[in-house]
N, C-alpha and C. Protein backbone atom coordinates (compact mmCIF):
# COMPACT_ATOMS: atom_id res chain seq x y z
N UNK A 1 2.58 -16.08 -36.14
CA UNK A 1 1.57 -15.98 -35.09
C UNK A 1 2.24 -15.67 -33.77
N UNK A 2 1.51 -14.96 -32.93
CA UNK A 2 2.07 -14.52 -31.65
C UNK A 2 1.67 -15.41 -30.48
N UNK A 3 0.90 -16.47 -30.73
CA UNK A 3 0.47 -17.37 -29.66
C UNK A 3 -0.79 -16.93 -28.95
N UNK A 4 -1.31 -15.77 -29.31
CA UNK A 4 -2.54 -15.27 -28.68
C UNK A 4 -3.77 -15.99 -29.22
N UNK A 5 -4.84 -15.90 -28.47
CA UNK A 5 -6.10 -16.50 -28.89
C UNK A 5 -6.90 -15.51 -29.73
N UNK A 6 -7.50 -16.01 -30.80
CA UNK A 6 -8.38 -15.19 -31.62
C UNK A 6 -9.80 -15.25 -31.08
N UNK A 7 -10.71 -14.67 -31.83
CA UNK A 7 -12.11 -14.71 -31.43
C UNK A 7 -12.68 -16.11 -31.64
N UNK A 8 -13.72 -16.41 -30.90
CA UNK A 8 -14.40 -17.68 -31.04
C UNK A 8 -14.96 -17.81 -32.46
N UNK A 9 -14.83 -18.99 -33.04
CA UNK A 9 -15.36 -19.23 -34.38
C UNK A 9 -16.69 -19.96 -34.36
N UNK A 10 -17.06 -20.52 -33.21
CA UNK A 10 -18.33 -21.24 -33.11
C UNK A 10 -18.68 -21.46 -31.64
N UNK A 11 -19.96 -21.52 -31.36
CA UNK A 11 -20.46 -21.79 -30.01
C UNK A 11 -21.66 -22.71 -30.13
N UNK A 12 -21.74 -23.67 -29.24
CA UNK A 12 -22.89 -24.57 -29.19
C UNK A 12 -23.48 -24.51 -27.79
N UNK A 13 -24.81 -24.45 -27.70
CA UNK A 13 -25.50 -24.49 -26.41
C UNK A 13 -26.37 -25.73 -26.39
N UNK A 14 -26.08 -26.63 -25.47
CA UNK A 14 -26.84 -27.87 -25.36
C UNK A 14 -28.10 -27.63 -24.53
N UNK A 15 -29.02 -28.58 -24.62
CA UNK A 15 -30.26 -28.55 -23.84
C UNK A 15 -30.37 -29.85 -23.06
N UNK A 16 -31.12 -29.81 -21.95
CA UNK A 16 -31.42 -31.03 -21.22
C UNK A 16 -30.79 -31.09 -19.85
N UNK A 17 -31.03 -32.21 -19.19
CA UNK A 17 -30.52 -32.47 -17.85
C UNK A 17 -30.48 -33.98 -17.69
N UNK A 18 -30.17 -34.43 -16.46
CA UNK A 18 -30.20 -35.87 -16.21
C UNK A 18 -30.66 -36.12 -14.78
N UNK A 19 -30.38 -37.28 -14.24
CA UNK A 19 -31.02 -37.74 -13.01
C UNK A 19 -30.45 -37.18 -11.72
N UNK A 20 -29.19 -36.75 -11.72
CA UNK A 20 -28.57 -36.20 -10.51
C UNK A 20 -28.93 -34.72 -10.42
N UNK A 21 -29.92 -34.39 -9.59
CA UNK A 21 -30.46 -33.02 -9.53
C UNK A 21 -29.46 -32.01 -8.99
N UNK A 22 -28.45 -32.45 -8.24
CA UNK A 22 -27.46 -31.52 -7.70
C UNK A 22 -26.39 -31.18 -8.74
N UNK A 23 -26.01 -32.12 -9.57
CA UNK A 23 -24.91 -31.91 -10.52
C UNK A 23 -25.34 -31.90 -11.98
N UNK A 24 -26.58 -32.33 -12.25
CA UNK A 24 -27.01 -32.45 -13.64
C UNK A 24 -28.32 -31.72 -13.91
N UNK A 25 -28.44 -30.52 -13.32
CA UNK A 25 -29.66 -29.74 -13.48
C UNK A 25 -29.77 -29.11 -14.87
N UNK A 26 -28.67 -29.12 -15.61
CA UNK A 26 -28.65 -28.58 -16.97
C UNK A 26 -27.38 -29.03 -17.66
N UNK A 27 -27.20 -28.61 -18.92
CA UNK A 27 -26.00 -29.00 -19.66
C UNK A 27 -24.73 -28.49 -18.97
N UNK A 28 -23.69 -29.27 -19.06
CA UNK A 28 -22.40 -28.91 -18.47
C UNK A 28 -21.31 -29.56 -19.31
N UNK A 29 -21.02 -28.92 -20.44
CA UNK A 29 -19.96 -29.44 -21.31
C UNK A 29 -18.64 -29.33 -20.57
N UNK A 30 -17.97 -30.44 -20.36
CA UNK A 30 -16.77 -30.44 -19.53
C UNK A 30 -15.49 -30.45 -20.35
N UNK A 31 -15.51 -31.04 -21.53
CA UNK A 31 -14.33 -31.01 -22.39
C UNK A 31 -14.77 -31.18 -23.83
N UNK A 32 -13.91 -30.76 -24.73
CA UNK A 32 -14.11 -31.01 -26.16
C UNK A 32 -12.74 -31.34 -26.74
N UNK A 33 -12.71 -32.39 -27.56
CA UNK A 33 -11.44 -32.82 -28.17
C UNK A 33 -11.65 -33.18 -29.62
N UNK A 34 -10.66 -32.87 -30.43
CA UNK A 34 -10.66 -33.30 -31.82
C UNK A 34 -10.10 -34.71 -31.90
N UNK A 35 -10.63 -35.49 -32.85
CA UNK A 35 -10.10 -36.84 -33.07
C UNK A 35 -8.72 -36.73 -33.71
N UNK A 36 -7.98 -37.84 -33.81
CA UNK A 36 -6.62 -37.78 -34.35
C UNK A 36 -6.53 -37.26 -35.79
N UNK A 37 -7.63 -37.29 -36.54
CA UNK A 37 -7.60 -36.81 -37.93
C UNK A 37 -8.05 -35.36 -38.07
N UNK A 38 -8.51 -34.75 -36.99
CA UNK A 38 -9.06 -33.39 -37.00
C UNK A 38 -10.34 -33.27 -37.82
N UNK A 39 -11.03 -34.38 -38.04
CA UNK A 39 -12.28 -34.36 -38.81
C UNK A 39 -13.51 -34.32 -37.93
N UNK A 40 -13.37 -34.78 -36.68
CA UNK A 40 -14.52 -34.86 -35.77
C UNK A 40 -14.14 -34.28 -34.41
N UNK A 41 -15.12 -33.69 -33.74
CA UNK A 41 -14.94 -33.19 -32.38
C UNK A 41 -15.94 -33.91 -31.48
N UNK A 42 -15.49 -34.22 -30.27
CA UNK A 42 -16.31 -34.93 -29.29
C UNK A 42 -16.32 -34.12 -28.00
N UNK A 43 -17.51 -33.90 -27.46
CA UNK A 43 -17.66 -33.10 -26.25
C UNK A 43 -18.38 -33.90 -25.18
N UNK A 44 -17.76 -34.03 -24.01
CA UNK A 44 -18.38 -34.70 -22.87
C UNK A 44 -19.30 -33.71 -22.17
N UNK A 45 -20.59 -34.01 -22.12
CA UNK A 45 -21.54 -33.17 -21.41
C UNK A 45 -21.97 -33.88 -20.13
N UNK A 46 -21.34 -33.48 -19.02
CA UNK A 46 -21.61 -34.07 -17.72
C UNK A 46 -23.07 -33.92 -17.32
N UNK A 47 -23.70 -32.80 -17.69
CA UNK A 47 -25.06 -32.51 -17.26
C UNK A 47 -26.15 -33.29 -17.95
N UNK A 48 -25.90 -33.76 -19.17
CA UNK A 48 -26.94 -34.50 -19.91
C UNK A 48 -26.58 -35.96 -20.14
N UNK A 49 -25.42 -36.39 -19.64
CA UNK A 49 -24.96 -37.77 -19.83
C UNK A 49 -24.82 -38.13 -21.31
N UNK A 50 -24.28 -37.18 -22.07
CA UNK A 50 -24.09 -37.42 -23.50
C UNK A 50 -22.66 -37.08 -23.93
N UNK A 51 -22.21 -37.80 -24.94
CA UNK A 51 -21.01 -37.42 -25.67
C UNK A 51 -21.53 -36.83 -26.99
N UNK A 52 -21.34 -35.54 -27.18
CA UNK A 52 -21.80 -34.86 -28.39
C UNK A 52 -20.77 -35.12 -29.50
N UNK A 53 -21.26 -35.33 -30.72
CA UNK A 53 -20.40 -35.66 -31.85
C UNK A 53 -20.61 -34.62 -32.95
N UNK A 54 -19.51 -34.01 -33.38
CA UNK A 54 -19.56 -32.99 -34.43
C UNK A 54 -18.58 -33.33 -35.55
N UNK A 55 -18.93 -32.95 -36.75
CA UNK A 55 -17.96 -32.89 -37.83
C UNK A 55 -17.26 -31.54 -37.67
N UNK A 56 -15.96 -31.50 -37.87
CA UNK A 56 -15.21 -30.26 -37.68
C UNK A 56 -14.77 -29.70 -39.02
N UNK A 57 -15.22 -28.49 -39.31
CA UNK A 57 -14.80 -27.76 -40.50
C UNK A 57 -13.59 -26.93 -40.11
N UNK A 58 -12.40 -27.47 -40.33
CA UNK A 58 -11.17 -26.81 -39.89
C UNK A 58 -10.92 -25.50 -40.63
N UNK A 59 -11.35 -25.42 -41.85
CA UNK A 59 -11.13 -24.20 -42.63
C UNK A 59 -11.85 -23.00 -42.03
N UNK A 60 -13.09 -23.22 -41.56
CA UNK A 60 -13.90 -22.14 -41.01
C UNK A 60 -14.04 -22.19 -39.50
N UNK A 61 -13.48 -23.23 -38.87
CA UNK A 61 -13.57 -23.36 -37.42
C UNK A 61 -14.97 -23.63 -36.92
N UNK A 62 -15.77 -24.35 -37.70
CA UNK A 62 -17.17 -24.60 -37.35
C UNK A 62 -17.39 -26.05 -36.93
N UNK A 63 -18.31 -26.23 -35.98
CA UNK A 63 -18.75 -27.55 -35.55
C UNK A 63 -20.10 -27.83 -36.20
N UNK A 64 -20.16 -28.88 -37.00
CA UNK A 64 -21.38 -29.24 -37.72
C UNK A 64 -21.93 -30.53 -37.11
N UNK A 65 -23.25 -30.70 -37.10
CA UNK A 65 -23.82 -31.91 -36.50
C UNK A 65 -23.25 -33.17 -37.12
N UNK A 66 -22.91 -34.12 -36.27
CA UNK A 66 -22.43 -35.40 -36.75
C UNK A 66 -23.58 -36.24 -37.28
N UNK A 67 -23.25 -37.27 -38.05
CA UNK A 67 -24.26 -38.21 -38.54
C UNK A 67 -25.03 -38.77 -37.34
N UNK A 68 -24.31 -39.10 -36.29
CA UNK A 68 -24.87 -39.49 -35.00
C UNK A 68 -24.60 -38.29 -34.09
N UNK A 69 -25.61 -37.46 -33.76
CA UNK A 69 -25.33 -36.21 -33.04
C UNK A 69 -24.82 -36.39 -31.61
N UNK A 70 -25.15 -37.51 -30.99
CA UNK A 70 -24.65 -37.80 -29.65
C UNK A 70 -24.81 -39.27 -29.36
N UNK A 71 -24.12 -39.69 -28.29
CA UNK A 71 -24.31 -41.02 -27.74
C UNK A 71 -24.59 -40.83 -26.26
N UNK A 72 -25.56 -41.57 -25.76
CA UNK A 72 -25.99 -41.48 -24.36
C UNK A 72 -25.20 -42.48 -23.52
N UNK A 73 -24.76 -42.05 -22.33
CA UNK A 73 -24.18 -42.99 -21.37
C UNK A 73 -25.22 -43.25 -20.29
N UNK A 74 -24.92 -44.18 -19.40
CA UNK A 74 -25.85 -44.55 -18.33
C UNK A 74 -26.27 -43.31 -17.54
N UNK A 75 -27.58 -43.14 -17.27
CA UNK A 75 -28.05 -41.97 -16.54
C UNK A 75 -27.32 -41.79 -15.20
N UNK A 76 -26.88 -40.56 -14.96
CA UNK A 76 -26.18 -40.23 -13.73
C UNK A 76 -24.68 -40.42 -13.79
N UNK A 77 -24.15 -40.91 -14.92
CA UNK A 77 -22.71 -41.18 -15.05
C UNK A 77 -21.87 -39.92 -15.02
N UNK A 78 -22.29 -38.90 -15.74
CA UNK A 78 -21.54 -37.64 -15.77
C UNK A 78 -20.24 -37.72 -16.53
N UNK A 79 -20.27 -37.92 -17.87
CA UNK A 79 -19.02 -37.97 -18.63
C UNK A 79 -18.23 -36.68 -18.49
N UNK A 80 -16.94 -36.80 -18.20
CA UNK A 80 -16.10 -35.64 -17.89
C UNK A 80 -15.00 -35.41 -18.91
N UNK A 81 -14.15 -36.41 -19.11
CA UNK A 81 -13.02 -36.29 -20.04
C UNK A 81 -12.94 -37.53 -20.91
N UNK A 82 -12.22 -37.41 -22.03
CA UNK A 82 -12.07 -38.55 -22.93
C UNK A 82 -10.66 -38.59 -23.50
N UNK A 83 -10.31 -39.76 -24.02
CA UNK A 83 -9.01 -39.96 -24.66
C UNK A 83 -9.19 -40.95 -25.81
N UNK A 84 -8.42 -40.76 -26.88
CA UNK A 84 -8.44 -41.65 -28.04
C UNK A 84 -7.27 -42.62 -27.96
N UNK A 85 -7.50 -43.86 -28.41
CA UNK A 85 -6.36 -44.75 -28.55
C UNK A 85 -5.53 -44.28 -29.74
N UNK A 86 -4.33 -44.80 -29.89
CA UNK A 86 -3.41 -44.32 -30.93
C UNK A 86 -3.93 -44.56 -32.35
N UNK A 87 -4.75 -45.58 -32.53
CA UNK A 87 -5.28 -45.87 -33.86
C UNK A 87 -6.48 -45.00 -34.21
N UNK A 88 -7.10 -44.39 -33.19
CA UNK A 88 -8.31 -43.60 -33.41
C UNK A 88 -9.57 -44.44 -33.51
N UNK A 89 -9.44 -45.76 -33.30
CA UNK A 89 -10.61 -46.65 -33.39
C UNK A 89 -11.41 -46.74 -32.10
N UNK A 90 -10.80 -46.35 -30.97
CA UNK A 90 -11.47 -46.46 -29.68
C UNK A 90 -11.38 -45.14 -28.92
N UNK A 91 -12.45 -44.87 -28.18
CA UNK A 91 -12.51 -43.68 -27.33
C UNK A 91 -12.80 -44.16 -25.92
N UNK A 92 -12.05 -43.62 -24.96
CA UNK A 92 -12.21 -43.97 -23.55
C UNK A 92 -12.74 -42.74 -22.82
N UNK A 93 -13.88 -42.88 -22.16
CA UNK A 93 -14.54 -41.76 -21.49
C UNK A 93 -14.55 -42.00 -19.99
N UNK A 94 -14.03 -41.04 -19.24
CA UNK A 94 -14.10 -41.09 -17.78
C UNK A 94 -15.41 -40.45 -17.34
N UNK A 95 -16.20 -41.20 -16.57
CA UNK A 95 -17.48 -40.71 -16.05
C UNK A 95 -17.28 -40.29 -14.60
N UNK A 96 -17.38 -38.99 -14.37
CA UNK A 96 -17.08 -38.41 -13.05
C UNK A 96 -17.98 -38.92 -11.94
N UNK A 97 -19.29 -38.88 -12.15
CA UNK A 97 -20.23 -39.12 -11.05
C UNK A 97 -20.35 -40.58 -10.66
N UNK A 98 -20.20 -41.49 -11.61
CA UNK A 98 -20.26 -42.93 -11.30
C UNK A 98 -18.89 -43.56 -11.09
N UNK A 99 -17.82 -42.78 -11.27
CA UNK A 99 -16.45 -43.32 -11.14
C UNK A 99 -16.28 -44.56 -12.02
N UNK A 100 -16.57 -44.37 -13.31
CA UNK A 100 -16.44 -45.45 -14.27
C UNK A 100 -15.70 -44.95 -15.51
N UNK A 101 -15.23 -45.90 -16.30
CA UNK A 101 -14.64 -45.59 -17.61
C UNK A 101 -15.41 -46.41 -18.64
N UNK A 102 -15.83 -45.75 -19.71
CA UNK A 102 -16.59 -46.40 -20.78
C UNK A 102 -15.75 -46.43 -22.05
N UNK A 103 -15.73 -47.59 -22.70
CA UNK A 103 -15.01 -47.77 -23.96
C UNK A 103 -16.03 -47.71 -25.10
N UNK A 104 -15.69 -46.93 -26.12
CA UNK A 104 -16.51 -46.85 -27.33
C UNK A 104 -15.67 -47.25 -28.54
N UNK A 105 -16.28 -48.00 -29.45
CA UNK A 105 -15.67 -48.22 -30.76
C UNK A 105 -16.06 -47.00 -31.60
N UNK A 106 -15.08 -46.47 -32.35
CA UNK A 106 -15.31 -45.27 -33.15
C UNK A 106 -15.21 -45.60 -34.63
N UNK A 107 -16.21 -45.19 -35.38
CA UNK A 107 -16.18 -45.32 -36.83
C UNK A 107 -15.38 -44.14 -37.38
N UNK A 108 -14.15 -44.37 -37.87
CA UNK A 108 -13.32 -43.25 -38.30
C UNK A 108 -13.85 -42.52 -39.53
N UNK A 109 -14.70 -43.17 -40.31
CA UNK A 109 -15.25 -42.54 -41.52
C UNK A 109 -16.38 -41.56 -41.19
N UNK A 110 -17.26 -41.93 -40.25
CA UNK A 110 -18.43 -41.11 -39.94
C UNK A 110 -18.40 -40.50 -38.54
N UNK A 111 -17.46 -40.95 -37.70
CA UNK A 111 -17.33 -40.40 -36.35
C UNK A 111 -18.25 -41.01 -35.32
N UNK A 112 -19.12 -41.93 -35.72
CA UNK A 112 -20.09 -42.52 -34.80
C UNK A 112 -19.41 -43.35 -33.71
N UNK A 113 -20.08 -43.43 -32.55
CA UNK A 113 -19.57 -44.19 -31.41
C UNK A 113 -20.53 -45.32 -31.06
N UNK A 114 -19.96 -46.46 -30.68
CA UNK A 114 -20.75 -47.60 -30.21
C UNK A 114 -20.15 -48.05 -28.88
N UNK A 115 -20.98 -48.05 -27.82
CA UNK A 115 -20.49 -48.45 -26.50
C UNK A 115 -20.13 -49.93 -26.49
N UNK A 116 -18.95 -50.22 -25.91
CA UNK A 116 -18.48 -51.60 -25.82
C UNK A 116 -18.42 -52.12 -24.39
N UNK A 117 -18.04 -51.25 -23.43
CA UNK A 117 -17.74 -51.73 -22.09
C UNK A 117 -17.73 -50.56 -21.11
N UNK A 118 -18.16 -50.81 -19.88
CA UNK A 118 -18.02 -49.84 -18.80
C UNK A 118 -17.50 -50.57 -17.57
N UNK A 119 -16.44 -50.02 -16.97
CA UNK A 119 -15.82 -50.60 -15.77
C UNK A 119 -15.70 -49.54 -14.69
N UNK A 120 -15.73 -49.98 -13.44
CA UNK A 120 -15.48 -49.06 -12.33
C UNK A 120 -14.00 -48.69 -12.28
N UNK A 121 -13.73 -47.50 -11.77
CA UNK A 121 -12.34 -47.08 -11.55
C UNK A 121 -11.92 -47.33 -10.11
N UNK A 122 -12.81 -47.92 -9.32
CA UNK A 122 -12.56 -48.10 -7.88
C UNK A 122 -12.35 -49.57 -7.52
N UNK A 123 -11.62 -49.82 -6.43
CA UNK A 123 -11.52 -51.19 -5.94
C UNK A 123 -12.88 -51.68 -5.43
N UNK A 124 -13.10 -52.97 -5.48
CA UNK A 124 -14.39 -53.54 -5.04
C UNK A 124 -14.72 -53.22 -3.59
N UNK A 125 -13.71 -53.13 -2.73
CA UNK A 125 -13.97 -52.95 -1.30
C UNK A 125 -14.06 -51.48 -0.88
N UNK A 126 -13.96 -50.54 -1.82
CA UNK A 126 -14.02 -49.12 -1.45
C UNK A 126 -15.47 -48.72 -1.21
N UNK A 127 -15.73 -48.09 -0.05
CA UNK A 127 -17.09 -47.69 0.31
C UNK A 127 -17.25 -46.19 0.51
N UNK A 128 -16.20 -45.43 0.30
CA UNK A 128 -16.27 -43.98 0.50
C UNK A 128 -16.86 -43.25 -0.69
N UNK A 129 -16.80 -41.93 -0.61
CA UNK A 129 -17.28 -41.06 -1.68
C UNK A 129 -16.14 -40.80 -2.67
N UNK A 130 -16.46 -40.81 -3.95
CA UNK A 130 -15.43 -40.62 -4.98
C UNK A 130 -16.04 -39.98 -6.22
N UNK A 131 -15.22 -39.24 -6.93
CA UNK A 131 -15.56 -38.78 -8.28
C UNK A 131 -14.32 -38.94 -9.15
N UNK A 132 -14.55 -39.30 -10.41
CA UNK A 132 -13.45 -39.41 -11.36
C UNK A 132 -13.07 -38.03 -11.87
N UNK A 133 -11.80 -37.86 -12.27
CA UNK A 133 -11.38 -36.53 -12.70
C UNK A 133 -10.70 -36.51 -14.06
N UNK A 134 -9.70 -37.34 -14.29
CA UNK A 134 -8.91 -37.20 -15.51
C UNK A 134 -8.59 -38.57 -16.09
N UNK A 135 -8.25 -38.60 -17.38
CA UNK A 135 -7.95 -39.84 -18.08
C UNK A 135 -6.82 -39.59 -19.08
N UNK A 136 -5.88 -40.53 -19.15
CA UNK A 136 -4.77 -40.46 -20.10
C UNK A 136 -4.38 -41.86 -20.54
N UNK A 137 -3.75 -41.95 -21.69
CA UNK A 137 -3.16 -43.19 -22.17
C UNK A 137 -1.65 -43.14 -21.97
N UNK A 138 -1.05 -44.31 -21.82
CA UNK A 138 0.41 -44.38 -21.76
C UNK A 138 0.97 -43.99 -23.12
N UNK A 139 2.21 -43.51 -23.15
CA UNK A 139 2.81 -43.11 -24.44
C UNK A 139 2.83 -44.23 -25.48
N UNK A 140 2.94 -45.48 -25.04
CA UNK A 140 2.95 -46.59 -26.00
C UNK A 140 1.54 -47.07 -26.36
N UNK A 141 0.49 -46.46 -25.75
CA UNK A 141 -0.88 -46.79 -26.08
C UNK A 141 -1.40 -48.09 -25.52
N UNK A 142 -0.68 -48.69 -24.58
CA UNK A 142 -1.08 -50.00 -24.04
C UNK A 142 -1.94 -49.91 -22.78
N UNK A 143 -1.95 -48.74 -22.12
CA UNK A 143 -2.63 -48.62 -20.83
C UNK A 143 -3.47 -47.34 -20.77
N UNK A 144 -4.56 -47.41 -19.99
CA UNK A 144 -5.39 -46.25 -19.67
C UNK A 144 -5.26 -46.00 -18.17
N UNK A 145 -5.16 -44.72 -17.81
CA UNK A 145 -5.06 -44.31 -16.41
C UNK A 145 -6.19 -43.33 -16.11
N UNK A 146 -6.85 -43.50 -14.95
CA UNK A 146 -7.95 -42.61 -14.54
C UNK A 146 -7.72 -42.18 -13.10
N UNK A 147 -7.90 -40.89 -12.82
CA UNK A 147 -7.71 -40.42 -11.44
C UNK A 147 -9.02 -40.49 -10.67
N UNK A 148 -8.90 -40.86 -9.39
CA UNK A 148 -10.01 -40.97 -8.46
C UNK A 148 -9.86 -39.94 -7.35
N UNK A 149 -10.85 -39.04 -7.22
CA UNK A 149 -10.86 -38.05 -6.14
C UNK A 149 -11.74 -38.59 -5.02
N UNK A 150 -11.15 -38.97 -3.95
CA UNK A 150 -11.85 -39.61 -2.83
C UNK A 150 -11.06 -40.84 -2.43
N UNK A 151 -10.89 -41.76 -3.36
CA UNK A 151 -10.00 -42.90 -3.15
C UNK A 151 -8.55 -42.43 -3.27
N UNK A 152 -8.35 -41.29 -3.93
CA UNK A 152 -7.03 -40.65 -4.09
C UNK A 152 -6.03 -41.61 -4.72
N UNK A 153 -6.40 -42.05 -5.92
CA UNK A 153 -5.58 -43.03 -6.63
C UNK A 153 -5.65 -42.81 -8.13
N UNK A 154 -4.77 -43.51 -8.81
CA UNK A 154 -4.83 -43.63 -10.26
C UNK A 154 -5.19 -45.08 -10.57
N UNK A 155 -6.33 -45.28 -11.24
CA UNK A 155 -6.74 -46.62 -11.67
C UNK A 155 -5.98 -46.96 -12.96
N UNK A 156 -5.53 -48.20 -13.06
CA UNK A 156 -4.70 -48.63 -14.19
C UNK A 156 -5.42 -49.75 -14.94
N UNK A 157 -5.53 -49.59 -16.26
CA UNK A 157 -6.19 -50.57 -17.12
C UNK A 157 -5.29 -50.92 -18.30
N UNK A 158 -5.30 -52.19 -18.69
CA UNK A 158 -4.60 -52.62 -19.91
C UNK A 158 -5.61 -52.62 -21.06
N UNK A 159 -5.19 -52.14 -22.23
CA UNK A 159 -6.03 -52.11 -23.43
C UNK A 159 -5.73 -53.34 -24.28
N UNK A 160 -6.77 -54.08 -24.66
CA UNK A 160 -6.60 -55.18 -25.61
C UNK A 160 -6.57 -54.56 -27.01
N UNK A 161 -5.45 -54.64 -27.72
CA UNK A 161 -5.35 -53.98 -29.02
C UNK A 161 -6.27 -54.58 -30.09
N UNK A 162 -6.76 -55.79 -29.86
CA UNK A 162 -7.63 -56.44 -30.84
C UNK A 162 -9.04 -55.87 -30.85
N UNK A 163 -9.53 -55.42 -29.65
CA UNK A 163 -10.92 -54.99 -29.57
C UNK A 163 -11.15 -53.78 -28.66
N UNK A 164 -10.10 -53.20 -28.10
CA UNK A 164 -10.24 -52.02 -27.25
C UNK A 164 -10.69 -52.30 -25.83
N UNK A 165 -10.98 -53.56 -25.50
CA UNK A 165 -11.48 -53.90 -24.16
C UNK A 165 -10.42 -53.59 -23.10
N UNK A 166 -10.89 -53.15 -21.95
CA UNK A 166 -10.01 -52.85 -20.83
C UNK A 166 -10.02 -53.98 -19.82
N UNK A 167 -8.87 -54.19 -19.19
CA UNK A 167 -8.73 -55.10 -18.05
C UNK A 167 -8.16 -54.28 -16.91
N UNK A 168 -8.85 -54.29 -15.77
CA UNK A 168 -8.37 -53.56 -14.59
C UNK A 168 -7.13 -54.25 -14.04
N UNK A 169 -6.07 -53.45 -13.81
CA UNK A 169 -4.82 -54.00 -13.28
C UNK A 169 -4.58 -53.63 -11.83
N UNK A 170 -5.15 -52.53 -11.37
CA UNK A 170 -4.94 -52.11 -9.99
C UNK A 170 -5.01 -50.61 -9.83
N UNK A 171 -4.51 -50.16 -8.68
CA UNK A 171 -4.56 -48.74 -8.32
C UNK A 171 -3.23 -48.31 -7.72
N UNK A 172 -2.83 -47.10 -8.01
CA UNK A 172 -1.62 -46.52 -7.43
C UNK A 172 -2.04 -45.30 -6.64
N UNK A 173 -1.65 -45.25 -5.37
CA UNK A 173 -1.97 -44.09 -4.53
C UNK A 173 -1.32 -42.84 -5.11
N UNK A 174 -2.03 -41.73 -5.04
CA UNK A 174 -1.46 -40.45 -5.49
C UNK A 174 -0.63 -39.81 -4.39
N UNK A 175 -0.69 -40.38 -3.20
CA UNK A 175 0.06 -39.85 -2.05
C UNK A 175 -0.27 -38.38 -1.81
N UNK A 176 -1.50 -38.05 -2.12
CA UNK A 176 -2.03 -36.70 -1.94
C UNK A 176 -3.54 -36.76 -2.08
N UNK A 177 -4.20 -35.67 -1.77
CA UNK A 177 -5.66 -35.65 -1.77
C UNK A 177 -6.23 -35.07 -3.06
N UNK A 178 -7.34 -35.64 -3.49
CA UNK A 178 -8.19 -35.13 -4.56
C UNK A 178 -7.45 -34.85 -5.87
N UNK A 179 -6.88 -35.87 -6.50
CA UNK A 179 -6.13 -35.65 -7.75
C UNK A 179 -7.05 -35.26 -8.91
N UNK A 180 -6.98 -34.02 -9.32
CA UNK A 180 -7.80 -33.53 -10.43
C UNK A 180 -7.17 -33.87 -11.77
N UNK A 181 -5.90 -33.62 -11.91
CA UNK A 181 -5.21 -33.81 -13.17
C UNK A 181 -3.90 -34.54 -12.90
N UNK A 182 -3.35 -35.13 -13.92
CA UNK A 182 -2.05 -35.78 -13.80
C UNK A 182 -1.44 -35.86 -15.19
N UNK A 183 -0.17 -36.12 -15.24
CA UNK A 183 0.54 -36.26 -16.52
C UNK A 183 1.32 -37.57 -16.49
N UNK A 184 1.55 -38.12 -17.67
CA UNK A 184 2.31 -39.35 -17.81
C UNK A 184 3.69 -38.98 -18.36
N UNK A 185 4.73 -39.45 -17.70
CA UNK A 185 6.09 -39.22 -18.17
C UNK A 185 6.25 -39.92 -19.52
N UNK A 186 6.64 -39.20 -20.56
CA UNK A 186 6.73 -39.82 -21.88
C UNK A 186 7.84 -40.85 -22.04
N UNK A 187 8.73 -40.97 -21.06
CA UNK A 187 9.80 -41.95 -21.17
C UNK A 187 9.35 -43.25 -20.58
């Protein structure tokens, strides 16, 4: 292979909107990721406040409806990006518009999601404007990091390996404005 991209093998067009008329006037799929087994694909739709769930046919490159076709997040949240824990049992979703992170338990057999917890990515005393941008796990799988555009920080959470629950640990300044993306040093 030469590293080039081939033609698209599948396209999905979502329908709907949500409560934020400026940012959620229609569907806005922001990311799509395969689960660690390559059997399921999950797409964050900021415009409809849904995480779309597909079975992935790797042989033909097709997205097929999941047993649970989507899971709804709180209206106005705006799911943007997601990350899987190392076991594949939990999914962490960064919600851009509400500056929150939502934890889902994932059924690895059927791909279904069950909401467990939602936490703010901001300090309690922050009163400015903010949107969440990116989410990553530490290389050892013990921590979740979320970027805040407005507070200009990385929110840090510890993952409880027994149940996927997050505990907020604090914030680290990005020492710059509007952090959209970030990377974690693998060492």
